Amino acid sequence: MSNELHSGRQYIDPRLLALIDQSEKEESLDMRNLRSDDVVSLQTVNTLYVMKVLDPEKGTVMVSSNGSHISDVPRAGSVMGTTLTGTGTMVKLRTIILNLRR
């Protein structure tokens, strides 16, 4: 069933529906479509993250960056998903949505 025909849509705030619908149209990377040992480079405004996929289903990675929060030495991490609201209250799990900035 497509997202737009889902029976639960009538119970969701229209502003949230707009965010959900927008996220479905944006280019994205679903971690579950990757394989172990795939490498993903993700450039944000300030930081380049390099992630080696350990377990795509769980979103576990070894991650390094040129930023201040994660060092250039790879460390264990996980990709939880993309926050649609900017506050972490709505997250598209295991997915990185490109060019979505809140």
C-alpha atoms as a PDB file:
ATOM      1  CA  MET A   1       0.000   0.000   0.000  1.00  0.00           C
ATOM      2  CA  SER A   2       1.439   3.369  -0.936  1.00  0.00           C
ATOM      3  CA  ASN A   3       2.084   5.965   1.726  1.00  0.00           C
ATOM      4  CA  GLU A   4      -0.615   8.270   0.296  1.00  0.00           C
ATOM      5  CA  LEU A   5      -3.304   5.549   0.503  1.00  0.00           C
ATOM      6  CA  HIS A   6      -2.447   4.378   4.022  1.00  0.00           C
ATOM      7  CA  SER A   7      -5.607   4.198   6.142  1.00  0.00           C
ATOM      8  CA  GLY A   8      -3.951   5.874   9.149  1.00  0.00           C
ATOM      9  CA  ARG A   9      -3.285   9.157   7.302  1.00  0.00           C
ATOM     10  CA  GLN A  10      -6.579  10.615   8.508  1.00  0.00           C
ATOM     11  CA  TYR A  11      -5.279  10.587  12.094  1.00  0.00           C
ATOM     12  CA  ILE A  12      -1.988  12.381  11.411  1.00  0.00           C
ATOM     13  CA  ASP A  13      -1.549  16.148  11.652  1.00  0.00           C
ATOM     14  CA  PRO A  14      -1.445  17.625   8.102  1.00  0.00           C
ATOM     15  CA  ARG A  15       1.871  19.367   8.849  1.00  0.00           C
ATOM     16  CA  LEU A  16       3.468  16.025   9.713  1.00  0.00           C
ATOM     17  CA  LEU A  17       1.927  14.426   6.641  1.00  0.00           C
ATOM     18  CA  ALA A  18       3.564  17.123   4.519  1.00  0.00           C
ATOM     19  CA  LEU A  19       6.964  16.259   6.060  1.00  0.00           C
ATOM     20  CA  ILE A  20       6.442  12.545   5.524  1.00  0.00           C
ATOM     21  CA  ASP A  21       5.357  13.052   1.920  1.00  0.00           C
ATOM     22  CA  GLN A  22       8.308  15.369   1.238  1.00  0.00           C
ATOM     23  CA  SER A  23      10.760  12.846   2.684  1.00  0.00           C
ATOM     24  CA  GLU A  24       9.374  10.122   0.407  1.00  0.00           C
ATOM     25  CA  LYS A  25      10.171  12.264  -2.660  1.00  0.00           C
ATOM     26  CA  GLU A  26      13.743  13.161  -1.669  1.00  0.00           C
ATOM     27  CA  GLU A  27      16.755  11.143  -2.764  1.00  0.00           C
ATOM     28  CA  SER A  28      17.776   8.893   0.094  1.00  0.00           C
ATOM     29  CA  LEU A  29      20.046   6.061   1.142  1.00  0.00           C
ATOM     30  CA  ASP A  30      18.452   3.197   3.065  1.00  0.00           C
ATOM     31  CA  MET A  31      21.122   1.402   5.076  1.00  0.00           C
ATOM     32  CA  ARG A  32      19.252  -1.894   4.585  1.00  0.00           C
ATOM     33  CA  ASN A  33      20.054  -1.719   0.855  1.00  0.00           C
ATOM     34  CA  LEU A  34      23.799  -1.750   1.546  1.00  0.00           C
ATOM     35  CA  ARG A  35      26.126  -4.684   2.226  1.00  0.00           C
ATOM     36  CA  SER A  36      28.669  -5.273   4.942  1.00  0.00           C
ATOM     37  CA  ASP A  37      31.973  -3.549   4.091  1.00  0.00           C
ATOM     38  CA  ASP A  38      30.301  -0.944   1.819  1.00  0.00           C
ATOM     39  CA  VAL A  39      31.722   2.533   2.448  1.00  0.00           C
ATOM     40  CA  VAL A  40      29.535   5.633   2.588  1.00  0.00           C
ATOM     41  CA  SER A  41      30.895   9.191   2.550  1.00  0.00           C
ATOM     42  CA  LEU A  42      28.494  11.835   3.810  1.00  0.00           C
ATOM     43  CA  GLN A  43      29.255  15.540   3.514  1.00  0.00           C
ATOM     44  CA  THR A  44      27.266  17.890   5.749  1.00  0.00           C
ATOM     45  CA  VAL A  45      27.688  21.657   5.791  1.00  0.00           C
ATOM     46  CA  ASN A  46      30.709  21.427   8.104  1.00  0.00           C
ATOM     47  CA  THR A  47      31.831  17.812   8.270  1.00  0.00           C
ATOM     48  CA  LEU A  48      32.749  14.863   6.061  1.00  0.00           C
ATOM     49  CA  TYR A  49      31.795  11.522   7.629  1.00  0.00           C
ATOM     50  CA  VAL A  50      33.170   8.244   6.268  1.00  0.00           C
ATOM     51  CA  MET A  51      31.292   5.138   7.370  1.00  0.00           C
ATOM     52  CA  LYS A  52      32.176   1.504   6.746  1.00  0.00           C
ATOM     53  CA  VAL A  53      29.030  -0.591   7.054  1.00  0.00           C
ATOM     54  CA  LEU A  54      29.239  -3.450   9.560  1.00  0.00           C
ATOM     55  CA  ASP A  55      25.593  -4.565   9.725  1.00  0.00           C
ATOM     56  CA  PRO A  56      23.127  -2.877   7.333  1.00  0.00           C
ATOM     57  CA  GLU A  57      20.006  -4.151   9.144  1.00  0.00           C
ATOM     58  CA  LYS A  58      21.127  -2.732  12.478  1.00  0.00           C
ATOM     59  CA  GLY A  59      22.771   0.348  10.932  1.00  0.00           C
ATOM     60  CA  THR A  60      26.080  -0.325  12.670  1.00  0.00           C
ATOM     61  CA  VAL A  61      29.162   1.289  11.142  1.00  0.00           C
ATOM     62  CA  MET A  62      32.750   2.223  11.797  1.00  0.00           C
ATOM     63  CA  VAL A  63      32.793   5.992  11.383  1.00  0.00           C
ATOM     64  CA  SER A  64      35.445   8.675  11.130  1.00  0.00           C
ATOM     65  CA  SER A  65      35.246  12.347  10.242  1.00  0.00           C
ATOM     66  CA  ASN A  66      37.158  15.577   9.855  1.00  0.00           C
ATOM     67  CA  GLY A  67      34.878  17.255  12.407  1.00  0.00           C
ATOM     68  CA  SER A  68      35.016  17.971  16.099  1.00  0.00           C
ATOM     69  CA  HIS A  69      32.511  15.348  17.329  1.00  0.00           C
ATOM     70  CA  ILE A  70      34.018  12.266  15.697  1.00  0.00           C
ATOM     71  CA  SER A  71      37.768  11.963  15.133  1.00  0.00           C
ATOM     72  CA  ASP A  72      39.706  10.783  12.119  1.00  0.00           C
ATOM     73  CA  VAL A  73      40.269   7.472  13.954  1.00  0.00           C
ATOM     74  CA  PRO A  74      37.387   5.106  13.068  1.00  0.00           C
ATOM     75  CA  ARG A  75      35.007   4.373  15.930  1.00  0.00           C
ATOM     76  CA  ALA A  76      31.957   2.160  16.307  1.00  0.00           C
ATOM     77  CA  GLY A  77      28.710   3.966  15.607  1.00  0.00           C
ATOM     78  CA  SER A  78      25.225   3.526  14.262  1.00  0.00           C
ATOM     79  CA  VAL A  79      22.971   5.256  11.778  1.00  0.00           C
ATOM     80  CA  MET A  80      19.668   5.779  13.555  1.00  0.00           C
ATOM     81  CA  GLY A  81      18.026   7.619  10.660  1.00  0.00           C
ATOM     82  CA  THR A  82      17.037  11.074   9.502  1.00  0.00           C
ATOM     83  CA  THR A  83      15.001  13.359  11.707  1.00  0.00           C
ATOM     84  CA  LEU A  84      12.134  14.876   9.746  1.00  0.00           C
ATOM     85  CA  THR A  85      11.310  17.594  12.274  1.00  0.00           C
ATOM     86  CA  GLY A  86      14.811  18.618  13.350  1.00  0.00           C
ATOM     87  CA  THR A  87      14.024  17.709  16.957  1.00  0.00           C
ATOM     88  CA  GLY A  88      14.351  13.933  16.738  1.00  0.00           C
ATOM     89  CA  THR A  89      10.661  13.355  17.384  1.00  0.00           C
ATOM     90  CA  MET A  90      10.044  11.900  13.904  1.00  0.00           C
ATOM     91  CA  VAL A  91      12.812   9.742  12.490  1.00  0.00           C
ATOM     92  CA  LYS A  92      12.910   7.777   9.248  1.00  0.00           C
ATOM     93  CA  LEU A  93      14.836   4.783  10.569  1.00  0.00           C
ATOM     94  CA  ARG A  94      18.097   3.556   8.988  1.00  0.00           C
ATOM     95  CA  THR A  95      17.717   6.123   6.206  1.00  0.00           C
ATOM     96  CA  ILE A  96      19.833   9.107   5.241  1.00  0.00           C
ATOM     97  CA  ILE A  97      17.767  11.642   3.293  1.00  0.00           C
ATOM     98  CA  LEU A  98      19.931  13.825   1.080  1.00  0.00           C
ATOM     99  CA  ASN A  99      19.500  17.602   1.032  1.00  0.00           C
ATOM    100  CA  LEU A 100      16.992  17.566   3.893  1.00  0.00           C
ATOM    101  CA  ARG A 101      17.914  20.268   6.355  1.00  0.00           C
ATOM    102  CA  ARG A 102      15.771  21.311   9.278  1.00  0.00           C
END
